[in-house]
């Protein structure tokens, strides 16, 4: 048996349980980060009918 950081033996069941928890946490983290990236892209993207730089420069006073 291997030992965890505290020096206690770790069973196969405990190791598998930990692996499952880590997989689930990683999957949830990835989903959350993808959602955040999509939200940032939606927030920063220009309207679909107008490309950046298409608008004529407005000259104040004219």
PDB file of N, CA and C in Angstrom:
ATOM      1  N   UNK A   1       0.826  -1.184   0.000  1.00  0.00           N
ATOM      2  CA  UNK A   1       0.000   0.000   0.000  1.00  0.00           C
ATOM      3  C   UNK A   1       0.872   1.249   0.000  1.00  0.00           C
ATOM      4  N   UNK A   2       0.427   2.249  -0.734  1.00  0.00           N
ATOM      5  CA  UNK A   2       1.117   3.529  -0.721  1.00  0.00           C
ATOM      6  C   UNK A   2       0.627   4.348   0.458  1.00  0.00           C
ATOM      7  N   UNK A   3       1.316   5.448   0.701  1.00  0.00           N
ATOM      8  CA  UNK A   3       0.930   6.309   1.801  1.00  0.00           C
ATOM      9  C   UNK A   3       0.552   7.669   1.264  1.00  0.00           C
ATOM     10  N   UNK A   4      -0.394   8.326   1.977  1.00  0.00           N
ATOM     11  CA  UNK A   4      -0.701   9.700   1.610  1.00  0.00           C
ATOM     12  C   UNK A   4       0.302  10.613   2.314  1.00  0.00           C
ATOM     13  N   UNK A   5       0.101  11.900   2.270  1.00  0.00           N
ATOM     14  CA  UNK A   5       1.044  12.843   2.854  1.00  0.00           C
ATOM     15  C   UNK A   5       1.190  12.711   4.361  1.00  0.00           C
ATOM     16  N   UNK A   6       0.214  12.097   5.038  1.00  0.00           N
ATOM     17  CA  UNK A   6       0.271  11.976   6.490  1.00  0.00           C
ATOM     18  C   UNK A   6       0.985  10.700   6.933  1.00  0.00           C
ATOM     19  N   UNK A   7       1.368   9.845   6.006  1.00  0.00           N
ATOM     20  CA  UNK A   7       2.053   8.618   6.357  1.00  0.00           C
ATOM     21  C   UNK A   7       1.121   7.441   6.570  1.00  0.00           C
ATOM     22  N   UNK A   8      -0.185   7.651   6.357  1.00  0.00           N
ATOM     23  CA  UNK A   8      -1.139   6.557   6.532  1.00  0.00           C
ATOM     24  C   UNK A   8      -1.254   5.786   5.222  1.00  0.00           C
ATOM     25  N   UNK A   9      -1.480   4.487   5.289  1.00  0.00           N
ATOM     26  CA  UNK A   9      -1.687   3.702   4.071  1.00  0.00           C
ATOM     27  C   UNK A   9      -2.983   4.112   3.374  1.00  0.00           C
ATOM     28  N   UNK A  10      -2.975   4.034   2.057  1.00  0.00           N
ATOM     29  CA  UNK A  10      -4.138   4.412   1.263  1.00  0.00           C
ATOM     30  C   UNK A  10      -4.659   3.169   0.561  1.00  0.00           C
ATOM     31  N   UNK A  11      -5.948   2.885   0.725  1.00  0.00           N
ATOM     32  CA  UNK A  11      -6.534   1.712   0.082  1.00  0.00           C
ATOM     33  C   UNK A  11      -6.847   2.006  -1.383  1.00  0.00           C
ATOM     34  N   UNK A  12      -7.038   0.947  -2.147  1.00  0.00           N
ATOM     35  CA  UNK A  12      -7.394   1.099  -3.554  1.00  0.00           C
ATOM     36  C   UNK A  12      -8.722   1.834  -3.699  1.00  0.00           C
ATOM     37  N   UNK A  13      -9.691   1.514  -2.832  1.00  0.00           N
ATOM     38  CA  UNK A  13     -11.003   2.163  -2.891  1.00  0.00           C
ATOM     39  C   UNK A  13     -10.881   3.662  -2.618  1.00  0.00           C
ATOM     40  N   UNK A  14     -10.073   4.011  -1.635  1.00  0.00           N
ATOM     41  CA  UNK A  14      -9.885   5.428  -1.315  1.00  0.00           C
ATOM     42  C   UNK A  14      -9.195   6.145  -2.469  1.00  0.00           C
ATOM     43  N   UNK A  15      -8.229   5.480  -3.081  1.00  0.00           N
ATOM     44  CA  UNK A  15      -7.513   6.077  -4.217  1.00  0.00           C
ATOM     45  C   UNK A  15      -8.475   6.295  -5.396  1.00  0.00           C
ATOM     46  N   UNK A  16      -9.315   5.298  -5.681  1.00  0.00           N
ATOM     47  CA  UNK A  16     -10.282   5.404  -6.778  1.00  0.00           C
ATOM     48  C   UNK A  16     -11.296   6.501  -6.484  1.00  0.00           C
ATOM     49  N   UNK A  17     -11.739   6.588  -5.237  1.00  0.00           N
ATOM     50  CA  UNK A  17     -12.704   7.612  -4.846  1.00  0.00           C
ATOM     51  C   UNK A  17     -12.100   9.007  -5.050  1.00  0.00           C
ATOM     52  N   UNK A  18     -10.849   9.156  -4.653  1.00  0.00           N
ATOM     53  CA  UNK A  18     -10.171  10.445  -4.824  1.00  0.00           C
ATOM     54  C   UNK A  18     -10.023  10.787  -6.298  1.00  0.00           C
ATOM     55  N   UNK A  19      -9.659   9.809  -7.111  1.00  0.00           N
ATOM     56  CA  UNK A  19      -9.511  10.021  -8.550  1.00  0.00           C
ATOM     57  C   UNK A  19     -10.837  10.459  -9.166  1.00  0.00           C
ATOM     58  N   UNK A  20     -11.932   9.819  -8.740  1.00  0.00           N
ATOM     59  CA  UNK A  20     -13.255  10.186  -9.255  1.00  0.00           C
ATOM     60  C   UNK A  20     -13.611  11.619  -8.864  1.00  0.00           C
ATOM     61  N   UNK A  21     -13.323  11.992  -7.621  1.00  0.00           N
ATOM     62  CA  UNK A  21     -13.608  13.365  -7.181  1.00  0.00           C
ATOM     63  C   UNK A  21     -12.780  14.371  -7.964  1.00  0.00           C
ATOM     64  N   UNK A  22     -11.513  14.046  -8.212  1.00  0.00           N
ATOM     65  CA  UNK A  22     -10.652  14.952  -8.966  1.00  0.00           C
ATOM     66  C   UNK A  22     -11.119  15.082 -10.415  1.00  0.00           C
ATOM     67  N   UNK A  23     -11.528  13.970 -11.026  1.00  0.00           N
ATOM     68  CA  UNK A  23     -12.045  14.021 -12.400  1.00  0.00           C
ATOM     69  C   UNK A  23     -13.269  14.911 -12.478  1.00  0.00           C
ATOM     70  N   UNK A  24     -14.191  14.740 -11.534  1.00  0.00           N
ATOM     71  CA  UNK A  24     -15.415  15.535 -11.520  1.00  0.00           C
ATOM     72  C   UNK A  24     -15.092  17.013 -11.319  1.00  0.00           C
ATOM     73  N   UNK A  25     -14.196  17.320 -10.390  1.00  0.00           N
ATOM     74  CA  UNK A  25     -13.823  18.709 -10.136  1.00  0.00           C
ATOM     75  C   UNK A  25     -13.170  19.328 -11.365  1.00  0.00           C
ATOM     76  N   UNK A  26     -12.319  18.575 -12.034  1.00  0.00           N
ATOM     77  CA  UNK A  26     -11.659  19.072 -13.236  1.00  0.00           C
ATOM     78  C   UNK A  26     -12.667  19.333 -14.344  1.00  0.00           C
ATOM     79  N   UNK A  27     -13.612  18.418 -14.528  1.00  0.00           N
ATOM     80  CA  UNK A  27     -14.644  18.568 -15.547  1.00  0.00           C
ATOM     81  C   UNK A  27     -15.499  19.812 -15.269  1.00  0.00           C
ATOM     82  N   UNK A  28     -15.900  20.008 -14.012  1.00  0.00           N
ATOM     83  CA  UNK A  28     -16.711  21.175 -13.646  1.00  0.00           C
ATOM     84  C   UNK A  28     -15.923  22.470 -13.838  1.00  0.00           C
ATOM     85  N   UNK A  29     -14.655  22.453 -13.496  1.00  0.00           N
ATOM     86  CA  UNK A  29     -13.808  23.623 -13.675  1.00  0.00           C
ATOM     87  C   UNK A  29     -13.686  23.974 -15.157  1.00  0.00           C
ATOM     88  N   UNK A  30     -13.516  22.966 -15.991  1.00  0.00           N
ATOM     89  CA  UNK A  30     -13.409  23.204 -17.430  1.00  0.00           C
ATOM     90  C   UNK A  30     -14.696  23.799 -17.979  1.00  0.00           C
ATOM     91  N   UNK A  31     -15.836  23.272 -17.557  1.00  0.00           N
ATOM     92  CA  UNK A  31     -17.132  23.812 -17.995  1.00  0.00           C
ATOM     93  C   UNK A  31     -17.267  25.277 -17.591  1.00  0.00           C
ATOM     94  N   UNK A  32     -16.894  25.569 -16.336  1.00  0.00           N
ATOM     95  CA  UNK A  32     -17.008  26.932 -15.838  1.00  0.00           C
ATOM     96  C   UNK A  32     -16.102  27.882 -16.615  1.00  0.00           C
ATOM     97  N   UNK A  33     -14.882  27.451 -16.889  1.00  0.00           N
ATOM     98  CA  UNK A  33     -13.952  28.311 -17.624  1.00  0.00           C
ATOM     99  C   UNK A  33     -14.388  28.535 -19.067  1.00  0.00           C
ATOM    100  N   UNK A  34     -14.955  27.497 -19.712  1.00  0.00           N
ATOM    101  CA  UNK A  34     -15.466  27.662 -21.074  1.00  0.00           C
ATOM    102  C   UNK A  34     -16.622  28.655 -21.098  1.00  0.00           C
ATOM    103  N   UNK A  35     -17.511  28.561 -20.111  1.00  0.00           N
ATOM    104  CA  UNK A  35     -18.634  29.482 -20.029  1.00  0.00           C
ATOM    105  C   UNK A  35     -18.134  30.908 -19.829  1.00  0.00           C
ATOM    106  N   UNK A  36     -17.157  31.091 -18.956  1.00  0.00           N
ATOM    107  CA  UNK A  36     -16.594  32.418 -18.738  1.00  0.00           C
ATOM    108  C   UNK A  36     -15.958  32.962 -20.013  1.00  0.00           C
ATOM    109  N   UNK A  37     -15.257  32.132 -20.744  1.00  0.00           N
ATOM    110  CA  UNK A  37     -14.613  32.568 -21.990  1.00  0.00           C
ATOM    111  C   UNK A  37     -15.663  32.974 -23.018  1.00  0.00           C
ATOM    112  N   UNK A  38     -16.746  32.189 -23.114  1.00  0.00           N
ATOM    113  CA  UNK A  38     -17.826  32.544 -24.048  1.00  0.00           C
ATOM    114  C   UNK A  38     -18.471  33.865 -23.658  1.00  0.00           C
ATOM    115  N   UNK A  39     -18.699  34.066 -22.367  1.00  0.00           N
ATOM    116  CA  UNK A  39     -19.300  35.319 -21.914  1.00  0.00           C
ATOM    117  C   UNK A  39     -18.393  36.502 -22.199  1.00  0.00           C
ATOM    118  N   UNK A  40     -17.092  36.334 -21.998  1.00  0.00           N
ATOM    119  CA  UNK A  40     -16.163  37.422 -22.301  1.00  0.00           C
ATOM    120  C   UNK A  40     -16.144  37.714 -23.794  1.00  0.00           C
ATOM    121  N   UNK A  41     -16.191  36.675 -24.613  1.00  0.00           N
ATOM    122  CA  UNK A  41     -16.170  36.866 -26.065  1.00  0.00           C
ATOM    123  C   UNK A  41     -17.445  37.569 -26.518  1.00  0.00           C
ATOM    124  N   UNK A  42     -18.570  37.201 -25.948  1.00  0.00           N
ATOM    125  CA  UNK A  42     -19.841  37.850 -26.297  1.00  0.00           C
ATOM    126  C   UNK A  42     -19.827  39.308 -25.876  1.00  0.00           C
ATOM    127  N   UNK A  43     -19.247  39.585 -24.739  1.00  0.00           N
ATOM    128  CA  UNK A  43     -19.216  40.947 -24.212  1.00  0.00           C
ATOM    129  C   UNK A  43     -18.316  41.843 -25.052  1.00  0.00           C
ATOM    130  N   UNK A  44     -17.200  41.321 -25.530  1.00  0.00           N
ATOM    131  CA  UNK A  44     -16.219  42.150 -26.230  1.00  0.00           C
ATOM    132  C   UNK A  44     -16.387  42.147 -27.740  1.00  0.00           C
ATOM    133  N   UNK A  45     -17.210  41.245 -28.274  1.00  0.00           N
ATOM    134  CA  UNK A  45     -17.344  41.183 -29.729  1.00  0.00           C
ATOM    135  C   UNK A  45     -18.230  42.323 -30.238  1.00  0.00           C
ATOM    136  N   UNK A  46     -17.916  42.870 -31.413  1.00  0.00           N
ATOM    137  CA  UNK A  46     -18.723  43.946 -31.986  1.00  0.00           C
ATOM    138  C   UNK A  46     -20.053  43.389 -32.493  1.00  0.00           C
ATOM    139  N   UNK A  47     -21.025  44.250 -32.700  1.00  0.00           N
ATOM    140  CA  UNK A  47     -22.290  43.784 -33.282  1.00  0.00           C
ATOM    141  C   UNK A  47     -22.036  43.112 -34.626  1.00  0.00           C
ATOM    142  N   UNK A  48     -22.854  42.153 -34.969  1.00  0.00           N
ATOM    143  CA  UNK A  48     -22.600  41.347 -36.164  1.00  0.00           C
ATOM    144  C   UNK A  48     -22.709  42.146 -37.462  1.00  0.00           C
ATOM    145  N   UNK A  49     -23.503  43.238 -37.487  1.00  0.00           N
ATOM    146  CA  UNK A  49     -23.668  43.998 -38.727  1.00  0.00           C
ATOM    147  C   UNK A  49     -22.616  45.090 -38.885  1.00  0.00           C
ATOM    148  N   UNK A  50     -21.739  45.220 -37.941  1.00  0.00           N
ATOM    149  CA  UNK A  50     -20.742  46.281 -38.009  1.00  0.00           C
ATOM    150  C   UNK A  50     -19.373  45.735 -37.620  1.00  0.00           C
ATOM    151  N   UNK A  51     -18.407  45.896 -38.472  1.00  0.00           N
ATOM    152  CA  UNK A  51     -17.052  45.452 -38.201  1.00  0.00           C
ATOM    153  C   UNK A  51     -16.278  46.598 -37.559  1.00  0.00           C
ATOM    154  N   UNK A  52     -15.282  46.291 -36.763  1.00  0.00           N
ATOM    155  CA  UNK A  52     -14.472  47.364 -36.170  1.00  0.00           C
ATOM    156  C   UNK A  52     -13.809  48.187 -37.270  1.00  0.00           C
ATOM    157  N   UNK A  53     -13.870  49.496 -37.140  1.00  0.00           N
ATOM    158  CA  UNK A  53     -13.247  50.376 -38.118  1.00  0.00           C
ATOM    159  C   UNK A  53     -14.142  50.723 -39.280  1.00  0.00           C
ATOM    160  N   UNK A  54     -15.355  50.164 -39.359  1.00  0.00           N
ATOM    161  CA  UNK A  54     -16.284  50.476 -40.451  1.00  0.00           C
ATOM    162  C   UNK A  54     -16.919  51.858 -40.293  1.00  0.00           C
ATOM    163  N   UNK A  55     -17.038  52.297 -39.073  1.00  0.00           N
ATOM    164  CA  UNK A  55     -17.667  53.587 -38.861  1.00  0.00           C
ATOM    165  C   UNK A  55     -16.719  54.694 -39.277  1.00  0.00           C
ATOM    166  N   UNK A  56     -17.276  55.721 -39.906  1.00  0.00           N
ATOM    167  CA  UNK A  56     -16.458  56.877 -40.292  1.00  0.00           C
ATOM    168  C   UNK A  56     -16.075  57.622 -39.026  1.00  0.00           C
ATOM    169  N   UNK A  57     -14.881  58.145 -39.018  1.00  0.00           N
ATOM    170  CA  UNK A  57     -14.431  58.905 -37.859  1.00  0.00           C
ATOM    171  C   UNK A  57     -15.263  60.170 -37.749  1.00  0.00           C
ATOM    172  N   UNK A  58     -15.804  60.381 -36.577  1.00  0.00           N
ATOM    173  CA  UNK A  58     -16.572  61.578 -36.361  1.00  0.00           C
ATOM    174  C   UNK A  58     -15.608  62.702 -36.016  1.00  0.00           C
ATOM    175  N   UNK A  59     -15.789  63.830 -36.685  1.00  0.00           N
ATOM    176  CA  UNK A  59     -14.934  64.989 -36.434  1.00  0.00           C
ATOM    177  C   UNK A  59     -15.758  65.986 -35.648  1.00  0.00           C
ATOM    178  N   UNK A  60     -15.355  66.294 -34.418  1.00  0.00           N
ATOM    179  CA  UNK A  60     -16.136  67.242 -33.623  1.00  0.00           C
ATOM    180  C   UNK A  60     -16.140  68.628 -34.255  1.00  0.00           C
ATOM    181  N   UNK A  61     -17.300  69.273 -34.211  1.00  0.00           N
ATOM    182  CA  UNK A  61     -17.403  70.644 -34.726  1.00  0.00           C
ATOM    183  C   UNK A  61     -17.707  70.714 -36.203  1.00  0.00           C
ATOM    184  N   UNK A  62     -17.885  69.648 -36.874  1.00  0.00           N
ATOM    185  CA  UNK A  62     -18.180  69.696 -38.320  1.00  0.00           C
ATOM    186  C   UNK A  62     -19.475  69.067 -38.613  1.00  0.00           C
TER     187      UNK A  62
END
